[in-house]
Amino acid sequence: MKIEYKFSFAVYIWGIITGIISGLLAYYNRSAWIIGFLLYFLVDKFVMALIKELPPDVPDERAILRKAFWGWLLFWLYFTMLTYSVAINFQPVCYSNQSLLYQVVHNGTAGIKCVFNVTNVTG
């Protein structure tokens, strides 16, 4: 496998790990997700532990943080929200009988149950 792919894979794995940590911490304390975000600054240590060499476009270890930011951020954000939503047992609320969520749940094609808080919308 090319070193660039290994680098990206290591960054994505670290984003998943820190996202799960952030989501679980946020379940217990809403502002604790910041701790998971601060784990970003350990991404260079994690990447270097998994891969022993750097891609050609990353000149030294200090450049890892800059190169890995967007890939890490997207994975971290997604898994933070996913873990938090699962932990709090999120239930969608239908506010309008004209919403797509209401229509899908009402027709029976949804695999979820919706907490109904329906108001009739007259136009």
PDB file of N, CA and C in Angstrom:
ATOM      1  N   MET A   1       0.850  -1.172   0.000  1.00  0.00           N
ATOM      2  CA  MET A   1       0.000   0.000   0.000  1.00  0.00           C
ATOM      3  C   MET A   1       0.899   1.239   0.000  1.00  0.00           C
ATOM      4  N   LYS A   2       0.480   2.240  -0.746  1.00  0.00           N
ATOM      5  CA  LYS A   2       1.261   3.473  -0.824  1.00  0.00           C
ATOM      6  C   LYS A   2       1.257   4.198   0.518  1.00  0.00           C
ATOM      7  N   ILE A   3       2.346   4.876   0.779  1.00  0.00           N
ATOM      8  CA  ILE A   3       2.506   5.576   2.054  1.00  0.00           C
ATOM      9  C   ILE A   3       1.458   6.682   2.231  1.00  0.00           C
ATOM     10  N   GLU A   4       1.023   7.297   1.122  1.00  0.00           N
ATOM     11  CA  GLU A   4      -0.006   8.336   1.214  1.00  0.00           C
ATOM     12  C   GLU A   4      -1.322   7.760   1.742  1.00  0.00           C
ATOM     13  N   TYR A   5      -1.651   6.543   1.294  1.00  0.00           N
ATOM     14  CA  TYR A   5      -2.884   5.901   1.740  1.00  0.00           C
ATOM     15  C   TYR A   5      -2.785   5.505   3.213  1.00  0.00           C
ATOM     16  N   LYS A   6      -1.628   5.029   3.612  1.00  0.00           N
ATOM     17  CA  LYS A   6      -1.422   4.680   5.020  1.00  0.00           C
ATOM     18  C   LYS A   6      -1.547   5.920   5.902  1.00  0.00           C
ATOM     19  N   PHE A   7      -0.998   7.024   5.427  1.00  0.00           N
ATOM     20  CA  PHE A   7      -1.078   8.280   6.175  1.00  0.00           C
ATOM     21  C   PHE A   7      -2.533   8.701   6.348  1.00  0.00           C
ATOM     22  N   SER A   8      -3.287   8.712   5.250  1.00  0.00           N
ATOM     23  CA  SER A   8      -4.698   9.109   5.312  1.00  0.00           C
ATOM     24  C   SER A   8      -5.491   8.164   6.205  1.00  0.00           C
ATOM     25  N   PHE A   9      -5.228   6.876   6.074  1.00  0.00           N
ATOM     26  CA  PHE A   9      -5.941   5.888   6.878  1.00  0.00           C
ATOM     27  C   PHE A   9      -5.676   6.104   8.369  1.00  0.00           C
ATOM     28  N   ALA A  10      -4.437   6.383   8.722  1.00  0.00           N
ATOM     29  CA  ALA A  10      -4.086   6.633  10.128  1.00  0.00           C
ATOM     30  C   ALA A  10      -4.799   7.882  10.649  1.00  0.00           C
ATOM     31  N   VAL A  11      -4.872   8.919   9.829  1.00  0.00           N
ATOM     32  CA  VAL A  11      -5.567  10.153  10.232  1.00  0.00           C
ATOM     33  C   VAL A  11      -7.055   9.877  10.429  1.00  0.00           C
ATOM     34  N   TYR A  12      -7.666   9.120   9.524  1.00  0.00           N
ATOM     35  CA  TYR A  12      -9.090   8.813   9.634  1.00  0.00           C
ATOM     36  C   TYR A  12      -9.376   7.950  10.867  1.00  0.00           C
ATOM     37  N   ILE A  13      -8.515   6.984  11.129  1.00  0.00           N
ATOM     38  CA  ILE A  13      -8.689   6.141  12.320  1.00  0.00           C
ATOM     39  C   ILE A  13      -8.614   6.996  13.584  1.00  0.00           C
ATOM     40  N   TRP A  14      -7.656   7.937  13.623  1.00  0.00           N
ATOM     41  CA  TRP A  14      -7.547   8.814  14.790  1.00  0.00           C
ATOM     42  C   TRP A  14      -8.782   9.707  14.907  1.00  0.00           C
ATOM     43  N   GLY A  15      -9.344  10.141  13.776  1.00  0.00           N
ATOM     44  CA  GLY A  15     -10.581  10.916  13.801  1.00  0.00           C
ATOM     45  C   GLY A  15     -11.744  10.110  14.360  1.00  0.00           C
ATOM     46  N   ILE A  16     -11.818   8.830  14.006  1.00  0.00           N
ATOM     47  CA  ILE A  16     -12.874   7.962  14.523  1.00  0.00           C
ATOM     48  C   ILE A  16     -12.712   7.768  16.033  1.00  0.00           C
ATOM     49  N   ILE A  17     -11.495   7.469  16.460  1.00  0.00           N
ATOM     50  CA  ILE A  17     -11.237   7.238  17.887  1.00  0.00           C
ATOM     51  C   ILE A  17     -11.567   8.484  18.707  1.00  0.00           C
ATOM     52  N   THR A  18     -11.071   9.634  18.273  1.00  0.00           N
ATOM     53  CA  THR A  18     -11.319  10.860  19.035  1.00  0.00           C
ATOM     54  C   THR A  18     -12.787  11.283  18.955  1.00  0.00           C
ATOM     55  N   GLY A  19     -13.458  10.983  17.845  1.00  0.00           N
ATOM     56  CA  GLY A  19     -14.881  11.286  17.733  1.00  0.00           C
ATOM     57  C   GLY A  19     -15.716  10.472  18.705  1.00  0.00           C
ATOM     58  N   ILE A  20     -15.396   9.195  18.833  1.00  0.00           N
ATOM     59  CA  ILE A  20     -16.120   8.351  19.787  1.00  0.00           C
ATOM     60  C   ILE A  20     -15.856   8.821  21.214  1.00  0.00           C
ATOM     61  N   ILE A  21     -14.611   9.159  21.507  1.00  0.00           N
ATOM     62  CA  ILE A  21     -14.280   9.690  22.834  1.00  0.00           C
ATOM     63  C   ILE A  21     -15.055  10.983  23.095  1.00  0.00           C
ATOM     64  N   SER A  22     -15.086  11.882  22.123  1.00  0.00           N
ATOM     65  CA  SER A  22     -15.806  13.153  22.284  1.00  0.00           C
ATOM     66  C   SER A  22     -17.293  12.936  22.508  1.00  0.00           C
ATOM     67  N   GLY A  23     -17.890  12.040  21.732  1.00  0.00           N
ATOM     68  CA  GLY A  23     -19.316  11.773  21.874  1.00  0.00           C
ATOM     69  C   GLY A  23     -19.669  11.200  23.233  1.00  0.00           C
ATOM     70  N   LEU A  24     -18.851  10.275  23.714  1.00  0.00           N
ATOM     71  CA  LEU A  24     -19.111   9.689  25.030  1.00  0.00           C
ATOM     72  C   LEU A  24     -18.902  10.703  26.145  1.00  0.00           C
ATOM     73  N   LEU A  25     -17.855  11.508  26.032  1.00  0.00           N
ATOM     74  CA  LEU A  25     -17.623  12.533  27.048  1.00  0.00           C
ATOM     75  C   LEU A  25     -18.731  13.583  27.040  1.00  0.00           C
ATOM     76  N   ALA A  26     -19.222  13.940  25.853  1.00  0.00           N
ATOM     77  CA  ALA A  26     -20.295  14.932  25.752  1.00  0.00           C
ATOM     78  C   ALA A  26     -21.599  14.408  26.346  1.00  0.00           C
ATOM     79  N   TYR A  27     -21.782  13.103  26.339  1.00  0.00           N
ATOM     80  CA  TYR A  27     -22.971  12.512  26.957  1.00  0.00           C
ATOM     81  C   TYR A  27     -22.994  12.796  28.458  1.00  0.00           C
ATOM     82  N   TYR A  28     -21.850  12.767  29.088  1.00  0.00           N
ATOM     83  CA  TYR A  28     -21.768  12.989  30.534  1.00  0.00           C
ATOM     84  C   TYR A  28     -21.658  14.464  30.906  1.00  0.00           C
ATOM     85  N   ASN A  29     -21.030  15.249  30.048  1.00  0.00           N
ATOM     86  CA  ASN A  29     -20.878  16.681  30.302  1.00  0.00           C
ATOM     87  C   ASN A  29     -20.846  17.371  28.940  1.00  0.00           C
ATOM     88  N   ARG A  30     -21.781  18.233  28.681  1.00  0.00           N
ATOM     89  CA  ARG A  30     -21.934  18.820  27.347  1.00  0.00           C
ATOM     90  C   ARG A  30     -20.678  19.485  26.809  1.00  0.00           C
ATOM     91  N   SER A  31     -19.902  20.108  27.656  1.00  0.00           N
ATOM     92  CA  SER A  31     -18.708  20.803  27.166  1.00  0.00           C
ATOM     93  C   SER A  31     -17.472  19.907  27.137  1.00  0.00           C
ATOM     94  N   ALA A  32     -17.609  18.645  27.513  1.00  0.00           N
ATOM     95  CA  ALA A  32     -16.455  17.745  27.555  1.00  0.00           C
ATOM     96  C   ALA A  32     -15.997  17.315  26.159  1.00  0.00           C
ATOM     97  N   TRP A  33     -16.779  17.569  25.123  1.00  0.00           N
ATOM     98  CA  TRP A  33     -16.358  17.218  23.767  1.00  0.00           C
ATOM     99  C   TRP A  33     -15.081  17.956  23.391  1.00  0.00           C
ATOM    100  N   ILE A  34     -14.830  19.061  24.073  1.00  0.00           N
ATOM    101  CA  ILE A  34     -13.615  19.836  23.796  1.00  0.00           C
ATOM    102  C   ILE A  34     -12.365  18.997  24.071  1.00  0.00           C
ATOM    103  N   ILE A  35     -12.438  18.111  25.058  1.00  0.00           N
ATOM    104  CA  ILE A  35     -11.296  17.237  25.349  1.00  0.00           C
ATOM    105  C   ILE A  35     -10.985  16.369  24.138  1.00  0.00           C
ATOM    106  N   GLY A  36     -12.021  15.830  23.500  1.00  0.00           N
ATOM    107  CA  GLY A  36     -11.812  15.036  22.293  1.00  0.00           C
ATOM    108  C   GLY A  36     -11.222  15.857  21.168  1.00  0.00           C
ATOM    109  N   PHE A  37     -11.655  17.112  21.073  1.00  0.00           N
ATOM    110  CA  PHE A  37     -11.091  17.989  20.048  1.00  0.00           C
ATOM    111  C   PHE A  37      -9.613  18.249  20.311  1.00  0.00           C
ATOM    112  N   LEU A  38      -9.249  18.414  21.563  1.00  0.00           N
ATOM    113  CA  LEU A  38      -7.844  18.667  21.899  1.00  0.00           C
ATOM    114  C   LEU A  38      -6.954  17.459  21.599  1.00  0.00           C
ATOM    115  N   LEU A  39      -7.561  16.285  21.500  1.00  0.00           N
ATOM    116  CA  LEU A  39      -6.784  15.100  21.131  1.00  0.00           C
ATOM    117  C   LEU A  39      -6.247  15.198  19.702  1.00  0.00           C
ATOM    118  N   TYR A  40      -6.777  16.153  18.933  1.00  0.00           N
ATOM    119  CA  TYR A  40      -6.248  16.382  17.585  1.00  0.00           C
ATOM    120  C   TYR A  40      -4.749  16.650  17.628  1.00  0.00           C
ATOM    121  N   PHE A  41      -4.307  17.311  18.664  1.00  0.00           N
ATOM    122  CA  PHE A  41      -2.900  17.688  18.739  1.00  0.00           C
ATOM    123  C   PHE A  41      -1.982  16.499  19.004  1.00  0.00           C
ATOM    124  N   LEU A  42      -2.570  15.329  19.189  1.00  0.00           N
ATOM    125  CA  LEU A  42      -1.777  14.105  19.307  1.00  0.00           C
ATOM    126  C   LEU A  42      -1.782  13.294  18.014  1.00  0.00           C
ATOM    127  N   VAL A  43      -2.396  13.837  16.958  1.00  0.00           N
ATOM    128  CA  VAL A  43      -2.495  13.096  15.705  1.00  0.00           C
ATOM    129  C   VAL A  43      -1.115  12.772  15.137  1.00  0.00           C
ATOM    130  N   ASP A  44      -0.161  13.653  15.304  1.00  0.00           N
ATOM    131  CA  ASP A  44       1.172  13.377  14.768  1.00  0.00           C
ATOM    132  C   ASP A  44       1.825  12.196  15.480  1.00  0.00           C
ATOM    133  N   LYS A  45       1.605  12.076  16.785  1.00  0.00           N
ATOM    134  CA  LYS A  45       2.160  10.937  17.536  1.00  0.00           C
ATOM    135  C   LYS A  45       1.501   9.633  17.093  1.00  0.00           C
ATOM    136  N   PHE A  46       0.175   9.679  16.890  1.00  0.00           N
ATOM    137  CA  PHE A  46      -0.563   8.490  16.477  1.00  0.00           C
ATOM    138  C   PHE A  46      -0.139   8.044  15.082  1.00  0.00           C
ATOM    139  N   VAL A  47      -0.034   8.998  14.165  1.00  0.00           N
ATOM    140  CA  VAL A  47       0.362   8.668  12.794  1.00  0.00           C
ATOM    141  C   VAL A  47       1.765   8.076  12.769  1.00  0.00           C
ATOM    142  N   MET A  48       2.675   8.675  13.499  1.00  0.00           N
ATOM    143  CA  MET A  48       4.054   8.174  13.506  1.00  0.00           C
ATOM    144  C   MET A  48       4.166   6.818  14.206  1.00  0.00           C
ATOM    145  N   ALA A  49       3.243   6.517  15.113  1.00  0.00           N
ATOM    146  CA  ALA A  49       3.249   5.202  15.751  1.00  0.00           C
ATOM    147  C   ALA A  49       2.773   4.118  14.785  1.00  0.00           C
ATOM    148  N   LEU A  50       1.855   4.484  13.880  1.00  0.00           N
ATOM    149  CA  LEU A  50       1.342   3.508  12.923  1.00  0.00           C
ATOM    150  C   LEU A  50       2.224   3.370  11.690  1.00  0.00           C
ATOM    151  N   ILE A  51       2.650   4.494  11.154  1.00  0.00           N
ATOM    152  CA  ILE A  51       3.517   4.445   9.972  1.00  0.00           C
ATOM    153  C   ILE A  51       4.857   5.048  10.353  1.00  0.00           C
ATOM    154  N   LYS A  52       5.896   4.427   9.922  1.00  0.00           N
ATOM    155  CA  LYS A  52       7.233   4.847  10.356  1.00  0.00           C
ATOM    156  C   LYS A  52       7.854   5.896   9.437  1.00  0.00           C
ATOM    157  N   GLU A  53       7.260   6.092   8.260  1.00  0.00           N
ATOM    158  CA  GLU A  53       7.786   7.084   7.325  1.00  0.00           C
ATOM    159  C   GLU A  53       6.666   8.020   6.899  1.00  0.00           C
ATOM    160  N   LEU A  54       7.038   9.173   6.409  1.00  0.00           N
ATOM    161  CA  LEU A  54       6.060  10.180   5.997  1.00  0.00           C
ATOM    162  C   LEU A  54       5.946  10.227   4.483  1.00  0.00           C
ATOM    163  N   PRO A  55       4.777  10.622   3.967  1.00  0.00           N
ATOM    164  CA  PRO A  55       4.634  10.803   2.521  1.00  0.00           C
ATOM    165  C   PRO A  55       5.555  11.919   2.028  1.00  0.00           C
ATOM    166  N   PRO A  56       5.856  11.933   0.738  1.00  0.00           N
ATOM    167  CA  PRO A  56       6.765  12.951   0.207  1.00  0.00           C
ATOM    168  C   PRO A  56       6.273  14.389   0.383  1.00  0.00           C
ATOM    169  N   ASP A  57       4.953  14.601   0.415  1.00  0.00           N
ATOM    170  CA  ASP A  57       4.439  15.968   0.544  1.00  0.00           C
ATOM    171  C   ASP A  57       4.370  16.442   1.999  1.00  0.00           C
ATOM    172  N   VAL A  58       4.799  15.619   2.941  1.00  0.00           N
ATOM    173  CA  VAL A  58       4.867  16.005   4.356  1.00  0.00           C
ATOM    174  C   VAL A  58       6.338  15.986   4.752  1.00  0.00           C
ATOM    175  N   PRO A  59       6.971  17.158   4.795  1.00  0.00           N
ATOM    176  CA  PRO A  59       8.425  17.205   4.987  1.00  0.00           C
ATOM    177  C   PRO A  59       8.911  16.756   6.364  1.00  0.00           C
ATOM    178  N   ASP A  60       8.149  17.052   7.418  1.00  0.00           N
ATOM    179  CA  ASP A  60       8.589  16.665   8.760  1.00  0.00           C
ATOM    180  C   ASP A  60       7.369  16.429   9.642  1.00  0.00           C
ATOM    181  N   GLU A  61       7.605  16.019  10.870  1.00  0.00           N
ATOM    182  CA  GLU A  61       6.503  15.691  11.777  1.00  0.00           C
ATOM    183  C   GLU A  61       5.628  16.894  12.104  1.00  0.00           C
ATOM    184  N   ARG A  62       6.198  18.076  12.110  1.00  0.00           N
ATOM    185  CA  ARG A  62       5.404  19.274  12.419  1.00  0.00           C
ATOM    186  C   ARG A  62       4.360  19.557  11.349  1.00  0.00           C
ATOM    187  N   ALA A  63       4.594  19.100  10.129  1.00  0.00           N
ATOM    188  CA  ALA A  63       3.648  19.335   9.034  1.00  0.00           C
ATOM    189  C   ALA A  63       2.468  18.368   9.067  1.00  0.00           C
ATOM    190  N   ILE A  64       2.534  17.359   9.912  1.00  0.00           N
ATOM    191  CA  ILE A  64       1.440  16.387   9.981  1.00  0.00           C
ATOM    192  C   ILE A  64       0.148  17.064  10.426  1.00  0.00           C
ATOM    193  N   LEU A  65       0.224  17.928  11.421  1.00  0.00           N
ATOM    194  CA  LEU A  65      -0.982  18.596  11.923  1.00  0.00           C
ATOM    195  C   LEU A  65      -1.675  19.398  10.830  1.00  0.00           C
ATOM    196  N   ARG A  66      -0.908  20.120  10.052  1.00  0.00           N
ATOM    197  CA  ARG A  66      -1.478  20.944   8.983  1.00  0.00           C
ATOM    198  C   ARG A  66      -2.063  20.060   7.879  1.00  0.00           C
ATOM    199  N   LYS A  67      -1.369  19.004   7.521  1.00  0.00           N
ATOM    200  CA  LYS A  67      -1.802  18.130   6.430  1.00  0.00           C
ATOM    201  C   LYS A  67      -3.032  17.298   6.819  1.00  0.00           C
ATOM    202  N   ALA A  68      -3.140  16.955   8.094  1.00  0.00           N
ATOM    203  CA  ALA A  68      -4.186  16.032   8.532  1.00  0.00           C
ATOM    204  C   ALA A  68      -5.462  16.718   8.998  1.00  0.00           C
ATOM    205  N   PHE A  69      -5.482  18.035   9.080  1.00  0.00           N
ATOM    206  CA  PHE A  69      -6.585  18.722   9.754  1.00  0.00           C
ATOM    207  C   PHE A  69      -7.962  18.407   9.175  1.00  0.00           C
ATOM    208  N   TRP A  70      -8.179  18.619   7.884  1.00  0.00           N
ATOM    209  CA  TRP A  70      -9.526  18.495   7.328  1.00  0.00           C
ATOM    210  C   TRP A  70     -10.027  17.062   7.344  1.00  0.00           C
ATOM    211  N   GLY A  71      -9.170  16.117   7.017  1.00  0.00           N
ATOM    212  CA  GLY A  71      -9.579  14.712   7.080  1.00  0.00           C
ATOM    213  C   GLY A  71      -9.950  14.301   8.490  1.00  0.00           C
ATOM    214  N   TRP A  72      -9.118  14.711   9.442  1.00  0.00           N
ATOM    215  CA  TRP A  72      -9.398  14.391  10.838  1.00  0.00           C
ATOM    216  C   TRP A  72     -10.684  15.077  11.302  1.00  0.00           C
ATOM    217  N   LEU A  73     -10.845  16.356  10.970  1.00  0.00           N
ATOM    218  CA  LEU A  73     -11.999  17.128  11.434  1.00  0.00           C
ATOM    219  C   LEU A  73     -13.317  16.504  10.987  1.00  0.00           C
ATOM    220  N   LEU A  74     -13.413  16.100   9.730  1.00  0.00           N
ATOM    221  CA  LEU A  74     -14.666  15.541   9.229  1.00  0.00           C
ATOM    222  C   LEU A  74     -15.009  14.222   9.916  1.00  0.00           C
ATOM    223  N   PHE A  75     -14.012  13.357  10.092  1.00  0.00           N
ATOM    224  CA  PHE A  75     -14.267  12.094  10.781  1.00  0.00           C
ATOM    225  C   PHE A  75     -14.596  12.335  12.251  1.00  0.00           C
ATOM    226  N   TRP A  76     -13.865  13.240  12.887  1.00  0.00           N
ATOM    227  CA  TRP A  76     -14.114  13.549  14.300  1.00  0.00           C
ATOM    228  C   TRP A  76     -15.525  14.094  14.487  1.00  0.00           C
ATOM    229  N   LEU A  77     -15.929  15.040  13.663  1.00  0.00           N
ATOM    230  CA  LEU A  77     -17.244  15.656  13.792  1.00  0.00           C
ATOM    231  C   LEU A  77     -18.360  14.635  13.577  1.00  0.00           C
ATOM    232  N   TYR A  78     -18.231  13.821  12.538  1.00  0.00           N
ATOM    233  CA  TYR A  78     -19.255  12.819  12.245  1.00  0.00           C
ATOM    234  C   TYR A  78     -19.404  11.831  13.400  1.00  0.00           C
ATOM    235  N   PHE A  79     -18.291  11.288  13.871  1.00  0.00           N
ATOM    236  CA  PHE A  79     -18.374  10.272  14.916  1.00  0.00           C
ATOM    237  C   PHE A  79     -18.713  10.869  16.280  1.00  0.00           C
ATOM    238  N   THR A  80     -18.401  12.132  16.507  1.00  0.00           N
ATOM    239  CA  THR A  80     -18.841  12.791  17.735  1.00  0.00           C
ATOM    240  C   THR A  80     -20.359  12.889  17.744  1.00  0.00           C
ATOM    241  N   MET A  81     -20.938  13.359  16.651  1.00  0.00           N
ATOM    242  CA  MET A  81     -22.395  13.499  16.586  1.00  0.00           C
ATOM    243  C   MET A  81     -23.090  12.145  16.617  1.00  0.00           C
ATOM    244  N   LEU A  82     -22.538  11.163  15.910  1.00  0.00           N
ATOM    245  CA  LEU A  82     -23.139   9.830  15.882  1.00  0.00           C
ATOM    246  C   LEU A  82     -23.137   9.195  17.270  1.00  0.00           C
ATOM    247  N   THR A  83     -21.998   9.221  17.939  1.00  0.00           N
ATOM    248  CA  THR A  83     -21.895   8.615  19.268  1.00  0.00           C
ATOM    249  C   THR A  83     -22.790   9.336  20.270  1.00  0.00           C
ATOM    250  N   TYR A  84     -22.816  10.648  20.214  1.00  0.00           N
ATOM    251  CA  TYR A  84     -23.668  11.417  21.130  1.00  0.00           C
ATOM    252  C   TYR A  84     -25.144  11.106  20.887  1.00  0.00           C
ATOM    253  N   SER A  85     -25.549  11.043  19.619  1.00  0.00           N
ATOM    254  CA  SER A  85     -26.949  10.755  19.292  1.00  0.00           C
ATOM    255  C   SER A  85     -27.360   9.366  19.765  1.00  0.00           C
ATOM    256  N   VAL A  86     -26.485   8.397  19.621  1.00  0.00           N
ATOM    257  CA  VAL A  86     -26.783   7.042  20.091  1.00  0.00           C
ATOM    258  C   VAL A  86     -26.832   7.017  21.617  1.00  0.00           C
ATOM    259  N   ALA A  87     -25.922   7.717  22.263  1.00  0.00           N
ATOM    260  CA  ALA A  87     -25.846   7.703  23.730  1.00  0.00           C
ATOM    261  C   ALA A  87     -27.077   8.336  24.373  1.00  0.00           C
ATOM    262  N   ILE A  88     -27.607   9.401  23.779  1.00  0.00           N
ATOM    263  CA  ILE A  88     -28.770  10.064  24.387  1.00  0.00           C
ATOM    264  C   ILE A  88     -30.086   9.461  23.914  1.00  0.00           C
ATOM    265  N   ASN A  89     -30.016   8.433  23.070  1.00  0.00           N
ATOM    266  CA  ASN A  89     -31.211   7.786  22.525  1.00  0.00           C
ATOM    267  C   ASN A  89     -32.101   8.816  21.831  1.00  0.00           C
ATOM    268  N   PHE A  90     -31.543   9.497  20.866  1.00  0.00           N
ATOM    269  CA  PHE A  90     -32.216  10.565  20.131  1.00  0.00           C
ATOM    270  C   PHE A  90     -33.482  10.057  19.455  1.00  0.00           C
ATOM    271  N   GLN A  91     -34.562  10.799  19.613  1.00  0.00           N
ATOM    272  CA  GLN A  91     -35.826  10.506  18.948  1.00  0.00           C
ATOM    273  C   GLN A  91     -36.235  11.730  18.136  1.00  0.00           C
ATOM    274  N   PRO A  92     -36.428  11.581  16.826  1.00  0.00           N
ATOM    275  CA  PRO A  92     -36.836  12.732  16.028  1.00  0.00           C
ATOM    276  C   PRO A  92     -38.264  13.165  16.379  1.00  0.00           C
ATOM    277  N   VAL A  93     -38.513  14.440  16.241  1.00  0.00           N
ATOM    278  CA  VAL A  93     -39.829  15.001  16.548  1.00  0.00           C
ATOM    279  C   VAL A  93     -40.422  15.546  15.257  1.00  0.00           C
ATOM    280  N   CYS A  94     -41.647  15.122  14.980  1.00  0.00           N
ATOM    281  CA  CYS A  94     -42.354  15.632  13.800  1.00  0.00           C
ATOM    282  C   CYS A  94     -43.158  16.858  14.220  1.00  0.00           C
ATOM    283  N   TYR A  95     -42.837  18.000  13.666  1.00  0.00           N
ATOM    284  CA  TYR A  95     -43.516  19.239  14.039  1.00  0.00           C
ATOM    285  C   TYR A  95     -44.626  19.620  13.076  1.00  0.00           C
ATOM    286  N   SER A  96     -44.612  19.063  11.891  1.00  0.00           N
ATOM    287  CA  SER A  96     -45.591  19.459  10.888  1.00  0.00           C
ATOM    288  C   SER A  96     -46.034  18.229  10.112  1.00  0.00           C
ATOM    289  N   ASN A  97     -47.317  18.171   9.780  1.00  0.00           N
ATOM    290  CA  ASN A  97     -47.803  17.046   8.989  1.00  0.00           C
ATOM    291  C   ASN A  97     -47.399  17.173   7.522  1.00  0.00           C
ATOM    292  N   GLN A  98     -46.728  18.243   7.170  1.00  0.00           N
ATOM    293  CA  GLN A  98     -46.253  18.406   5.800  1.00  0.00           C
ATOM    294  C   GLN A  98     -44.765  18.101   5.664  1.00  0.00           C
ATOM    295  N   SER A  99     -44.127  17.727   6.744  1.00  0.00           N
ATOM    296  CA  SER A  99     -42.694  17.444   6.673  1.00  0.00           C
ATOM    297  C   SER A  99     -42.448  16.072   6.060  1.00  0.00           C
ATOM    298  N   LEU A 100     -41.301  15.913   5.479  1.00  0.00           N
ATOM    299  CA  LEU A 100     -40.933  14.635   4.883  1.00  0.00           C
ATOM    300  C   LEU A 100     -40.836  13.550   5.953  1.00  0.00           C
ATOM    301  N   LEU A 101     -40.301  13.882   7.110  1.00  0.00           N
ATOM    302  CA  LEU A 101     -40.198  12.908   8.194  1.00  0.00           C
ATOM    303  C   LEU A 101     -41.579  12.403   8.608  1.00  0.00           C
ATOM    304  N   TYR A 102     -42.542  13.307   8.736  1.00  0.00           N
ATOM    305  CA  TYR A 102     -43.903  12.908   9.098  1.00  0.00           C
ATOM    306  C   TYR A 102     -44.493  11.992   8.033  1.00  0.00           C
ATOM    307  N   GLN A 103     -44.316  12.341   6.777  1.00  0.00           N
ATOM    308  CA  GLN A 103     -44.880  11.540   5.690  1.00  0.00           C
ATOM    309  C   GLN A 103     -44.291  10.129   5.673  1.00  0.00           C
ATOM    310  N   VAL A 104     -42.988  10.028   5.868  1.00  0.00           N
ATOM    311  CA  VAL A 104     -42.331   8.717   5.845  1.00  0.00           C
ATOM    312  C   VAL A 104     -42.790   7.873   7.028  1.00  0.00           C
ATOM    313  N   VAL A 105     -42.857   8.465   8.212  1.00  0.00           N
ATOM    314  CA  VAL A 105     -43.285   7.723   9.399  1.00  0.00           C
ATOM    315  C   VAL A 105     -44.769   7.379   9.304  1.00  0.00           C
ATOM    316  N   HIS A 106     -45.576   8.313   8.842  1.00  0.00           N
ATOM    317  CA  HIS A 106     -47.025   8.108   8.737  1.00  0.00           C
ATOM    318  C   HIS A 106     -47.355   7.008   7.729  1.00  0.00           C
ATOM    319  N   ASN A 107     -46.616   6.922   6.629  1.00  0.00           N
ATOM    320  CA  ASN A 107     -46.853   5.901   5.610  1.00  0.00           C
ATOM    321  C   ASN A 107     -46.346   4.529   6.043  1.00  0.00           C
ATOM    322  N   GLY A 108     -45.582   4.488   7.107  1.00  0.00           N
ATOM    323  CA  GLY A 108     -45.087   3.212   7.603  1.00  0.00           C
ATOM    324  C   GLY A 108     -43.827   2.722   6.928  1.00  0.00           C
ATOM    325  N   THR A 109     -43.184   3.563   6.133  1.00  0.00           N
ATOM    326  CA  THR A 109     -41.971   3.131   5.440  1.00  0.00           C
ATOM    327  C   THR A 109     -40.707   3.435   6.227  1.00  0.00           C
ATOM    328  N   ALA A 110     -40.832   4.087   7.364  1.00  0.00           N
ATOM    329  CA  ALA A 110     -39.651   4.426   8.166  1.00  0.00           C
ATOM    330  C   ALA A 110     -39.367   3.303   9.153  1.00  0.00           C
ATOM    331  N   GLY A 111     -38.113   3.097   9.427  1.00  0.00           N
ATOM    332  CA  GLY A 111     -37.718   2.105  10.414  1.00  0.00           C
ATOM    333  C   GLY A 111     -37.587   2.693  11.799  1.00  0.00           C
ATOM    334  N   ILE A 112     -38.027   3.937  11.969  1.00  0.00           N
ATOM    335  CA  ILE A 112     -37.915   4.612  13.264  1.00  0.00           C
ATOM    336  C   ILE A 112     -39.298   4.976  13.759  1.00  0.00           C
ATOM    337  N   LYS A 113     -39.374   5.249  15.015  1.00  0.00           N
ATOM    338  CA  LYS A 113     -40.601   5.782  15.580  1.00  0.00           C
ATOM    339  C   LYS A 113     -40.365   7.259  15.832  1.00  0.00           C
ATOM    340  N   CYS A 114     -41.365   8.031  15.541  1.00  0.00           N
ATOM    341  CA  CYS A 114     -41.239   9.476  15.665  1.00  0.00           C
ATOM    342  C   CYS A 114     -42.097   9.967  16.817  1.00  0.00           C
ATOM    343  N   VAL A 115     -41.542  10.848  17.615  1.00  0.00           N
ATOM    344  CA  VAL A 115     -42.313  11.508  18.658  1.00  0.00           C
ATOM    345  C   VAL A 115     -43.144  12.564  17.950  1.00  0.00           C
ATOM    346  N   PHE A 116     -44.463  12.421  18.022  1.00  0.00           N
ATOM    347  CA  PHE A 116     -45.315  13.322  17.263  1.00  0.00           C
ATOM    348  C   PHE A 116     -45.688  14.543  18.076  1.00  0.00           C
ATOM    349  N   ASN A 117     -45.402  15.666  17.494  1.00  0.00           N
ATOM    350  CA  ASN A 117     -45.791  16.969  18.017  1.00  0.00           C
ATOM    351  C   ASN A 117     -46.299  17.728  16.800  1.00  0.00           C
ATOM    352  N   VAL A 118     -47.402  17.242  16.251  1.00  0.00           N
ATOM    353  CA  VAL A 118     -47.869  17.706  14.954  1.00  0.00           C
ATOM    354  C   VAL A 118     -48.803  18.896  15.108  1.00  0.00           C
ATOM    355  N   THR A 119     -48.539  19.895  14.313  1.00  0.00           N
ATOM    356  CA  THR A 119     -49.443  21.028  14.212  1.00  0.00           C
ATOM    357  C   THR A 119     -49.910  21.105  12.772  1.00  0.00           C
ATOM    358  N   ASN A 120     -51.155  21.384  12.589  1.00  0.00           N
ATOM    359  CA  ASN A 120     -51.674  21.511  11.233  1.00  0.00           C
ATOM    360  C   ASN A 120     -51.213  22.826  10.631  1.00  0.00           C
ATOM    361  N   VAL A 121     -50.697  22.735   9.442  1.00  0.00           N
ATOM    362  CA  VAL A 121     -50.228  23.923   8.745  1.00  0.00           C
ATOM    363  C   VAL A 121     -51.255  24.265   7.682  1.00  0.00           C
ATOM    364  N   THR A 122     -51.772  25.450   7.774  1.00  0.00           N
ATOM    365  CA  THR A 122     -52.724  25.896   6.765  1.00  0.00           C
ATOM    366  C   THR A 122     -52.079  27.007   5.968  1.00  0.00           C
ATOM    367  N   GLY A 123     -52.214  26.922   4.697  1.00  0.00           N
ATOM    368  CA  GLY A 123     -51.532  27.899   3.875  1.00  0.00           C
ATOM    369  C   GLY A 123     -52.406  28.763   3.179  1.00  0.00           C
TER     370      GLY A 123
END
